[in-house]
Every structure is written in C-alpha cells, then in structure tokens.
Amino acid sequence: MRELAPLLTLIAREKTQEVLQAEKELILQEEDPQKRSDLLATAVMVASRHFDLDFLWDFFQEEVKQMQTSNFIQDWIQEGIQQGIQQGIQQGIQQGIQQGAQQKAQSILIQQLTAKFGKLPRSVENRIRSTTDESELDGLTLRVLTVSSLDELGLNGRGK
C-alpha cells in the first residue's frame, strides 16, 4: 500500500538509507501527482525523526519540486507569507509612529525657537529637521527654556 510508504522508516527496525530508498521507490509509483507530492512531503517529515535534514534534502533532491505542491506544504507557505505580511505591517506601523513622534518633536522645537527668537535661519530649521535622535531633540526642547540665543544651542554651527 503506497499510502503507508512514508511510515516505513517508523516501523523498520533498522533506519537505513536502503529503507528510505525502498520508501521513495514505492511513493514514486503513485500515479496521482498530488498524492505523490503529499506522500513525499510526509516521508521527509517522518524520516526527519531519524535522519539529518541536510541528508534528507540531498536524498530527496530530485523530488523537492514535487513536494512543493503538497497541500500542507502550500498551507505552511501561505501561513509563512501571512506571518511575514503581518510582521511587515506591524513594523511599518511602528516606524510610522516613531517618525510621526519625531516630526512632532521637530515641529515643537521649531515653534518654541520661533516664539522665543523670531524667524529662524533656514539652516537652523534644516538642522532641526535633519535631527532624528529623540534624546537630542528632547534635550534641545528643554534647553530652549534656559538659553538666551540660538548660538547657545549650537544649531547654527557656531558655539554651544
């Protein structure tokens, strides 16, 4: 019964390459390509309990393409794709939140400086907009309260 072929390595006393070869030959006799694919994938999974995965991939190298059409392998692939998409979305949301917070901190700093010192030189605004370090932006926002000139902040390339 070819359907039971993937279990040969489980029931064989000796877990040898010869048993695996007999298993593979039985499976390859299956005429239905989908069943053959499922049987091959199952055989690799079962055999992986007794054989090294690198060895199994080499041993079943010619059949790997067939295994990729296996129903449960396709399910795993789809599940992996979905997990990857979800992780990408989460990372995108996180990056968007961080960038939004960063832009908000930059805008607040520019508003504070404008309120305190009037129209800012373009170089100062550009320097602030190019600052992405949150702790640096936070520090500058606090220092605005205690400085008496832009020079003291060190944003224009002169002094601190």
N, C-alpha and C. Protein backbone atom coordinates (compact mmCIF):
# COMPACT_ATOMS: atom_id res chain seq x y z
N MET A 1 0.84 -1.18 0.00
CA MET A 1 0.00 0.00 0.00
C MET A 1 0.89 1.24 0.00
N ARG A 2 0.90 1.92 -1.14
CA ARG A 2 1.76 3.09 -1.29
C ARG A 2 1.43 4.19 -0.28
N GLU A 3 0.17 4.27 0.14
CA GLU A 3 -0.23 5.32 1.07
C GLU A 3 0.49 5.21 2.41
N LEU A 4 0.94 4.00 2.75
CA LEU A 4 1.64 3.79 4.02
C LEU A 4 3.16 3.85 3.88
N ALA A 5 3.63 4.03 2.67
CA ALA A 5 5.08 4.05 2.42
C ALA A 5 5.83 5.07 3.28
N PRO A 6 5.29 6.28 3.52
CA PRO A 6 6.03 7.24 4.33
C PRO A 6 6.29 6.77 5.76
N LEU A 7 5.62 5.72 6.18
CA LEU A 7 5.78 5.22 7.55
C LEU A 7 6.85 4.13 7.66
N LEU A 8 7.43 3.73 6.55
CA LEU A 8 8.42 2.65 6.58
C LEU A 8 9.57 2.94 7.54
N THR A 9 10.06 4.15 7.54
CA THR A 9 11.18 4.46 8.44
C THR A 9 10.76 4.37 9.90
N LEU A 10 9.48 4.56 10.16
CA LEU A 10 9.00 4.44 11.54
C LEU A 10 8.97 2.99 12.01
N ILE A 11 8.52 2.10 11.12
CA ILE A 11 8.32 0.70 11.55
C ILE A 11 9.53 -0.20 11.30
N ALA A 12 10.46 0.27 10.49
CA ALA A 12 11.65 -0.55 10.21
C ALA A 12 12.53 -0.63 11.44
N ARG A 13 13.06 -1.81 11.71
CA ARG A 13 13.96 -1.97 12.86
C ARG A 13 15.23 -1.16 12.66
N GLU A 14 15.79 -1.25 11.46
CA GLU A 14 17.00 -0.51 11.13
C GLU A 14 16.60 0.70 10.29
N LYS A 15 16.98 1.86 10.72
CA LYS A 15 16.67 3.10 10.00
C LYS A 15 17.83 3.39 9.05
N THR A 16 17.77 2.76 7.88
CA THR A 16 18.90 2.84 6.94
C THR A 16 18.49 3.58 5.67
N GLN A 17 19.51 3.89 4.90
CA GLN A 17 19.29 4.54 3.62
C GLN A 17 18.54 3.60 2.67
N GLU A 18 18.77 2.30 2.82
CA GLU A 18 18.09 1.31 1.97
C GLU A 18 16.58 1.33 2.23
N VAL A 19 16.20 1.45 3.50
CA VAL A 19 14.77 1.53 3.84
C VAL A 19 14.18 2.80 3.22
N LEU A 20 14.91 3.89 3.33
CA LEU A 20 14.46 5.16 2.77
C LEU A 20 14.33 5.06 1.25
N GLN A 21 15.27 4.36 0.62
CA GLN A 21 15.23 4.17 -0.84
C GLN A 21 14.00 3.36 -1.23
N ALA A 22 13.71 2.30 -0.49
CA ALA A 22 12.52 1.48 -0.79
C ALA A 22 11.26 2.32 -0.62
N GLU A 23 11.23 3.13 0.42
CA GLU A 23 10.10 4.02 0.69
C GLU A 23 9.89 4.97 -0.50
N LYS A 24 10.99 5.57 -0.95
CA LYS A 24 10.90 6.53 -2.05
C LYS A 24 10.41 5.84 -3.33
N GLU A 25 10.92 4.65 -3.61
CA GLU A 25 10.51 3.93 -4.82
C GLU A 25 9.02 3.60 -4.79
N LEU A 26 8.51 3.20 -3.63
CA LEU A 26 7.08 2.93 -3.50
C LEU A 26 6.26 4.19 -3.76
N ILE A 27 6.69 5.28 -3.17
CA ILE A 27 5.96 6.54 -3.32
C ILE A 27 5.96 7.01 -4.77
N LEU A 28 7.09 6.88 -5.45
CA LEU A 28 7.20 7.36 -6.83
C LEU A 28 6.34 6.54 -7.79
N GLN A 29 5.85 5.39 -7.36
CA GLN A 29 4.95 4.59 -8.18
C GLN A 29 3.53 5.16 -8.19
N GLU A 30 3.23 6.04 -7.24
CA GLU A 30 1.90 6.67 -7.18
C GLU A 30 1.69 7.49 -8.44
N GLU A 31 0.57 7.24 -9.12
CA GLU A 31 0.30 7.93 -10.38
C GLU A 31 -0.28 9.33 -10.18
N ASP A 32 -1.05 9.52 -9.15
CA ASP A 32 -1.67 10.82 -8.90
C ASP A 32 -0.60 11.79 -8.38
N PRO A 33 -0.30 12.85 -9.13
CA PRO A 33 0.79 13.77 -8.74
C PRO A 33 0.55 14.43 -7.38
N GLN A 34 -0.70 14.76 -7.07
CA GLN A 34 -0.98 15.42 -5.78
C GLN A 34 -0.75 14.45 -4.63
N LYS A 35 -1.20 13.21 -4.78
CA LYS A 35 -0.97 12.21 -3.73
C LYS A 35 0.52 11.95 -3.57
N ARG A 36 1.21 11.84 -4.73
CA ARG A 36 2.66 11.60 -4.69
C ARG A 36 3.37 12.73 -3.95
N SER A 37 2.96 13.95 -4.23
CA SER A 37 3.53 15.11 -3.57
C SER A 37 3.31 15.05 -2.06
N ASP A 38 2.08 14.76 -1.66
CA ASP A 38 1.76 14.66 -0.23
C ASP A 38 2.53 13.52 0.44
N LEU A 39 2.65 12.39 -0.26
CA LEU A 39 3.38 11.25 0.31
C LEU A 39 4.86 11.56 0.47
N LEU A 40 5.44 12.22 -0.51
CA LEU A 40 6.86 12.59 -0.42
C LEU A 40 7.11 13.54 0.75
N ALA A 41 6.26 14.56 0.87
CA ALA A 41 6.43 15.52 1.96
C ALA A 41 6.26 14.83 3.31
N THR A 42 5.30 13.93 3.40
CA THR A 42 5.09 13.19 4.65
C THR A 42 6.29 12.31 4.95
N ALA A 43 6.84 11.67 3.92
CA ALA A 43 8.00 10.80 4.10
C ALA A 43 9.18 11.59 4.68
N VAL A 44 9.40 12.79 4.17
CA VAL A 44 10.51 13.61 4.68
C VAL A 44 10.26 13.99 6.14
N MET A 45 9.02 14.38 6.43
CA MET A 45 8.71 14.76 7.81
C MET A 45 8.91 13.59 8.77
N VAL A 46 8.42 12.42 8.39
CA VAL A 46 8.56 11.25 9.27
C VAL A 46 10.02 10.85 9.38
N ALA A 47 10.72 10.83 8.27
CA ALA A 47 12.13 10.42 8.27
C ALA A 47 13.01 11.39 9.04
N SER A 48 12.57 12.63 9.16
CA SER A 48 13.39 13.62 9.86
C SER A 48 13.55 13.30 11.35
N ARG A 49 12.76 12.37 11.85
CA ARG A 49 12.91 11.93 13.24
C ARG A 49 14.16 11.04 13.39
N HIS A 50 14.61 10.46 12.26
CA HIS A 50 15.72 9.51 12.33
C HIS A 50 16.92 9.89 11.48
N PHE A 51 16.73 10.83 10.56
CA PHE A 51 17.81 11.22 9.65
C PHE A 51 18.03 12.72 9.74
N ASP A 52 19.25 13.13 9.45
CA ASP A 52 19.62 14.54 9.41
C ASP A 52 18.90 15.22 8.24
N LEU A 53 18.40 16.44 8.47
CA LEU A 53 17.65 17.14 7.42
C LEU A 53 18.48 17.41 6.17
N ASP A 54 19.74 17.76 6.34
CA ASP A 54 20.59 18.00 5.17
C ASP A 54 20.69 16.74 4.32
N PHE A 55 20.85 15.61 4.98
CA PHE A 55 20.90 14.34 4.26
C PHE A 55 19.59 14.10 3.51
N LEU A 56 18.45 14.36 4.19
CA LEU A 56 17.15 14.12 3.56
C LEU A 56 16.94 15.01 2.35
N TRP A 57 17.34 16.29 2.44
CA TRP A 57 17.17 17.18 1.29
C TRP A 57 18.03 16.71 0.12
N ASP A 58 19.23 16.22 0.42
CA ASP A 58 20.07 15.67 -0.65
C ASP A 58 19.44 14.40 -1.22
N PHE A 59 18.97 13.54 -0.34
CA PHE A 59 18.40 12.25 -0.75
C PHE A 59 17.15 12.45 -1.62
N PHE A 60 16.32 13.40 -1.25
CA PHE A 60 15.08 13.68 -1.98
C PHE A 60 15.22 14.88 -2.93
N GLN A 61 16.44 15.20 -3.29
CA GLN A 61 16.70 16.41 -4.08
C GLN A 61 15.85 16.47 -5.36
N GLU A 62 15.76 15.37 -6.08
CA GLU A 62 15.02 15.37 -7.33
C GLU A 62 13.51 15.49 -7.10
N GLU A 63 13.04 15.15 -5.92
CA GLU A 63 11.61 15.16 -5.63
C GLU A 63 11.15 16.44 -4.93
N VAL A 64 12.09 17.30 -4.56
CA VAL A 64 11.74 18.50 -3.80
C VAL A 64 10.71 19.34 -4.55
N LYS A 65 10.88 19.50 -5.85
CA LYS A 65 9.94 20.30 -6.63
C LYS A 65 8.53 19.72 -6.53
N GLN A 66 8.43 18.40 -6.57
CA GLN A 66 7.12 17.75 -6.44
C GLN A 66 6.52 18.03 -5.06
N MET A 67 7.36 18.00 -4.03
CA MET A 67 6.87 18.20 -2.67
C MET A 67 6.29 19.60 -2.47
N GLN A 68 6.79 20.56 -3.22
CA GLN A 68 6.32 21.93 -3.05
C GLN A 68 4.85 22.09 -3.40
N THR A 69 4.29 21.16 -4.15
CA THR A 69 2.87 21.24 -4.49
C THR A 69 2.00 20.50 -3.46
N SER A 70 2.62 19.93 -2.46
CA SER A 70 1.87 19.24 -1.42
C SER A 70 0.92 20.22 -0.72
N ASN A 71 -0.29 19.74 -0.43
CA ASN A 71 -1.30 20.61 0.18
C ASN A 71 -0.81 21.24 1.48
N PHE A 72 -0.25 20.43 2.38
CA PHE A 72 0.13 21.02 3.66
C PHE A 72 1.39 21.85 3.55
N ILE A 73 2.26 21.58 2.59
CA ILE A 73 3.42 22.44 2.36
C ILE A 73 2.93 23.80 1.86
N GLN A 74 1.96 23.78 0.94
CA GLN A 74 1.38 25.04 0.44
C GLN A 74 0.72 25.81 1.58
N ASP A 75 0.05 25.09 2.48
CA ASP A 75 -0.56 25.75 3.64
C ASP A 75 0.50 26.41 4.50
N TRP A 76 1.62 25.72 4.72
CA TRP A 76 2.72 26.28 5.51
C TRP A 76 3.28 27.52 4.84
N ILE A 77 3.45 27.42 3.52
CA ILE A 77 3.98 28.57 2.78
C ILE A 77 3.04 29.76 2.92
N GLN A 78 1.74 29.51 2.74
CA GLN A 78 0.76 30.60 2.87
C GLN A 78 0.76 31.17 4.29
N GLU A 79 0.87 30.28 5.26
CA GLU A 79 0.91 30.74 6.66
C GLU A 79 2.15 31.60 6.90
N GLY A 80 3.28 31.16 6.35
CA GLY A 80 4.52 31.93 6.48
C GLY A 80 4.41 33.28 5.80
N ILE A 81 3.78 33.31 4.63
CA ILE A 81 3.59 34.57 3.92
C ILE A 81 2.72 35.50 4.75
N GLN A 82 1.63 34.97 5.30
CA GLN A 82 0.73 35.78 6.11
C GLN A 82 1.45 36.33 7.35
N GLN A 83 2.26 35.48 7.99
CA GLN A 83 3.02 35.95 9.15
C GLN A 83 3.99 37.05 8.74
N GLY A 84 4.64 36.88 7.60
CA GLY A 84 5.56 37.89 7.10
C GLY A 84 4.85 39.21 6.82
N ILE A 85 3.67 39.12 6.23
CA ILE A 85 2.89 40.32 5.94
C ILE A 85 2.51 41.02 7.24
N GLN A 86 2.04 40.24 8.22
CA GLN A 86 1.65 40.82 9.50
C GLN A 86 2.83 41.49 10.19
N GLN A 87 3.99 40.83 10.17
CA GLN A 87 5.18 41.42 10.78
C GLN A 87 5.57 42.70 10.05
N GLY A 88 5.48 42.69 8.73
CA GLY A 88 5.80 43.89 7.95
C GLY A 88 4.86 45.03 8.27
N ILE A 89 3.58 44.71 8.40
CA ILE A 89 2.60 45.74 8.75
C ILE A 89 2.91 46.32 10.13
N GLN A 90 3.19 45.43 11.09
CA GLN A 90 3.50 45.89 12.44
C GLN A 90 4.74 46.76 12.45
N GLN A 91 5.78 46.36 11.72
CA GLN A 91 6.99 47.16 11.66
C GLN A 91 6.72 48.50 11.00
N GLY A 92 5.90 48.49 9.94
CA GLY A 92 5.55 49.74 9.26
C GLY A 92 4.79 50.68 10.17
N ILE A 93 3.85 50.13 10.92
CA ILE A 93 3.09 50.95 11.86
C ILE A 93 4.03 51.54 12.91
N GLN A 94 4.91 50.70 13.44
CA GLN A 94 5.85 51.16 14.47
C GLN A 94 6.76 52.26 13.93
N GLN A 95 7.27 52.06 12.72
CA GLN A 95 8.13 53.08 12.12
C GLN A 95 7.35 54.36 11.87
N GLY A 96 6.09 54.22 11.42
CA GLY A 96 5.25 55.40 11.18
C GLY A 96 5.01 56.17 12.47
N ILE A 97 4.76 55.45 13.55
CA ILE A 97 4.55 56.09 14.85
C ILE A 97 5.81 56.82 15.27
N GLN A 98 6.96 56.16 15.13
CA GLN A 98 8.23 56.78 15.52
C GLN A 98 8.52 58.02 14.67
N GLN A 99 8.29 57.91 13.37
CA GLN A 99 8.54 59.06 12.50
C GLN A 99 7.58 60.20 12.82
N GLY A 100 6.32 59.85 13.10
CA GLY A 100 5.35 60.88 13.45
C GLY A 100 5.74 61.60 14.73
N ALA A 101 6.20 60.83 15.73
CA ALA A 101 6.62 61.43 17.00
C ALA A 101 7.85 62.30 16.78
N GLN A 102 8.74 61.84 15.96
CA GLN A 102 9.96 62.59 15.65
C GLN A 102 9.62 63.90 14.96
N GLN A 103 8.75 63.83 13.97
CA GLN A 103 8.34 65.05 13.26
C GLN A 103 7.63 66.02 14.19
N LYS A 104 6.82 65.49 15.09
CA LYS A 104 6.11 66.33 16.05
C LYS A 104 7.13 67.04 16.97
N ALA A 105 8.12 66.29 17.45
CA ALA A 105 9.15 66.87 18.32
C ALA A 105 9.93 67.96 17.57
N GLN A 106 10.23 67.72 16.29
CA GLN A 106 10.93 68.71 15.49
C GLN A 106 10.09 69.98 15.33
N SER A 107 8.80 69.79 15.05
CA SER A 107 7.89 70.93 14.88
C SER A 107 7.76 71.74 16.16
N ILE A 108 7.63 71.05 17.29
CA ILE A 108 7.51 71.75 18.58
C ILE A 108 8.77 72.56 18.86
N LEU A 109 9.93 71.97 18.60
CA LEU A 109 11.19 72.68 18.83
C LEU A 109 11.27 73.93 17.95
N ILE A 110 10.88 73.80 16.69
CA ILE A 110 10.91 74.95 15.78
C ILE A 110 9.93 76.02 16.26
N GLN A 111 8.74 75.61 16.71
CA GLN A 111 7.76 76.58 17.22
C GLN A 111 8.28 77.29 18.47
N GLN A 112 8.91 76.54 19.36
CA GLN A 112 9.46 77.15 20.58
C GLN A 112 10.54 78.18 20.22
N LEU A 113 11.44 77.78 19.32
CA LEU A 113 12.53 78.67 18.94
C LEU A 113 11.99 79.93 18.24
N THR A 114 11.02 79.75 17.38
CA THR A 114 10.42 80.89 16.68
C THR A 114 9.73 81.82 17.67
N ALA A 115 9.02 81.24 18.63
CA ALA A 115 8.34 82.07 19.64
C ALA A 115 9.34 82.84 20.47
N LYS A 116 10.48 82.23 20.74
CA LYS A 116 11.47 82.87 21.62
C LYS A 116 12.39 83.83 20.86
N PHE A 117 12.81 83.45 19.63
CA PHE A 117 13.83 84.24 18.92
C PHE A 117 13.35 84.86 17.61
N GLY A 118 12.11 84.63 17.24
CA GLY A 118 11.61 85.18 15.98
C GLY A 118 11.94 84.26 14.82
N LYS A 119 11.87 84.79 13.61
CA LYS A 119 12.11 83.99 12.41
C LYS A 119 13.48 83.33 12.48
N LEU A 120 13.48 82.04 12.21
CA LEU A 120 14.72 81.26 12.29
C LEU A 120 15.43 81.21 10.94
N PRO A 121 16.76 81.21 10.96
CA PRO A 121 17.51 81.00 9.71
C PRO A 121 17.16 79.61 9.14
N ARG A 122 17.10 79.52 7.84
CA ARG A 122 16.78 78.24 7.18
C ARG A 122 17.74 77.13 7.64
N SER A 123 19.01 77.47 7.86
CA SER A 123 20.00 76.47 8.28
C SER A 123 19.63 75.85 9.63
N VAL A 124 19.06 76.67 10.53
CA VAL A 124 18.65 76.15 11.85
C VAL A 124 17.46 75.20 11.68
N GLU A 125 16.48 75.61 10.86
CA GLU A 125 15.33 74.74 10.62
C GLU A 125 15.76 73.43 9.97
N ASN A 126 16.65 73.52 8.98
CA ASN A 126 17.15 72.31 8.31
C ASN A 126 17.88 71.39 9.28
N ARG A 127 18.68 71.99 10.15
CA ARG A 127 19.42 71.22 11.16
C ARG A 127 18.46 70.47 12.08
N ILE A 128 17.39 71.15 12.50
CA ILE A 128 16.40 70.51 13.38
C ILE A 128 15.67 69.39 12.64
N ARG A 129 15.26 69.66 11.40
CA ARG A 129 14.53 68.65 10.62
C ARG A 129 15.40 67.43 10.29
N SER A 130 16.71 67.63 10.28
CA SER A 130 17.61 66.50 9.99
C SER A 130 18.01 65.74 11.26
N THR A 131 17.62 66.26 12.42
CA THR A 131 17.94 65.59 13.68
C THR A 131 16.89 64.51 13.93
N THR A 132 17.35 63.27 14.01
CA THR A 132 16.42 62.15 14.20
C THR A 132 16.57 61.50 15.57
N ASP A 133 17.59 61.87 16.29
CA ASP A 133 17.82 61.30 17.63
C ASP A 133 16.82 61.92 18.62
N GLU A 134 15.94 61.07 19.15
CA GLU A 134 14.90 61.56 20.07
C GLU A 134 15.48 62.25 21.30
N SER A 135 16.52 61.68 21.85
CA SER A 135 17.09 62.27 23.07
C SER A 135 17.71 63.63 22.78
N GLU A 136 18.29 63.78 21.60
CA GLU A 136 18.85 65.09 21.23
C GLU A 136 17.73 66.11 21.06
N LEU A 137 16.65 65.71 20.41
CA LEU A 137 15.51 66.62 20.24
C LEU A 137 14.91 67.00 21.60
N ASP A 138 14.77 66.01 22.48
CA ASP A 138 14.24 66.29 23.83
C ASP A 138 15.14 67.25 24.59
N GLY A 139 16.45 67.03 24.49
CA GLY A 139 17.41 67.90 25.18
C GLY A 139 17.35 69.33 24.66
N LEU A 140 17.26 69.47 23.35
CA LEU A 140 17.16 70.82 22.76
C LEU A 140 15.87 71.51 23.19
N THR A 141 14.77 70.75 23.23
CA THR A 141 13.49 71.32 23.63
C THR A 141 13.55 71.85 25.06
N LEU A 142 14.24 71.14 25.93
CA LEU A 142 14.40 71.61 27.31
C LEU A 142 15.37 72.79 27.41
N ARG A 143 16.45 72.74 26.64
CA ARG A 143 17.45 73.81 26.70
C ARG A 143 16.93 75.13 26.19
N VAL A 144 15.90 75.09 25.31
CA VAL A 144 15.32 76.33 24.80
C VAL A 144 14.86 77.21 25.95
N LEU A 145 14.43 76.58 27.03
CA LEU A 145 13.91 77.34 28.18
C LEU A 145 15.00 78.14 28.90
N THR A 146 16.25 77.71 28.77
CA THR A 146 17.31 78.34 29.57
C THR A 146 18.33 79.14 28.76
N VAL A 147 18.31 79.05 27.44
CA VAL A 147 19.30 79.77 26.63
C VAL A 147 18.79 81.15 26.27
N SER A 148 19.74 82.02 25.97
CA SER A 148 19.34 83.38 25.59
C SER A 148 19.62 83.67 24.12
N SER A 149 20.22 82.69 23.39
CA SER A 149 20.47 82.91 21.97
C SER A 149 20.53 81.55 21.25
N LEU A 150 20.36 81.63 19.93
CA LEU A 150 20.48 80.41 19.12
C LEU A 150 21.90 79.86 19.19
N ASP A 151 22.88 80.76 19.32
CA ASP A 151 24.28 80.33 19.39
C ASP A 151 24.50 79.37 20.56
N GLU A 152 23.81 79.62 21.68
CA GLU A 152 23.99 78.77 22.85
C GLU A 152 23.47 77.34 22.62
N LEU A 153 22.52 77.19 21.71
CA LEU A 153 22.01 75.85 21.38
C LEU A 153 22.95 75.07 20.48
N GLY A 154 23.78 75.80 19.73
CA GLY A 154 24.74 75.14 18.84
C GLY A 154 24.11 74.59 17.58
N LEU A 155 22.95 75.09 17.16
CA LEU A 155 22.28 74.60 15.99
C LEU A 155 22.75 75.24 14.68
N ASN A 156 23.42 76.35 14.79
CA ASN A 156 23.83 77.06 13.58
C ASN A 156 25.30 76.84 13.24
N GLY A 157 25.91 75.89 13.92
CA GLY A 157 27.31 75.58 13.62
C GLY A 157 28.28 76.42 14.38
N ARG A 158 27.80 77.36 15.18
CA ARG A 158 28.70 78.21 15.98
C ARG A 158 28.41 77.96 17.45
N GLY A 159 29.39 77.62 18.22
CA GLY A 159 29.29 77.53 19.70
C GLY A 159 28.19 76.63 20.18
N LYS A 160 28.08 76.52 21.51
CA LYS A 160 27.02 75.75 22.14
C LYS A 160 26.44 76.51 23.21
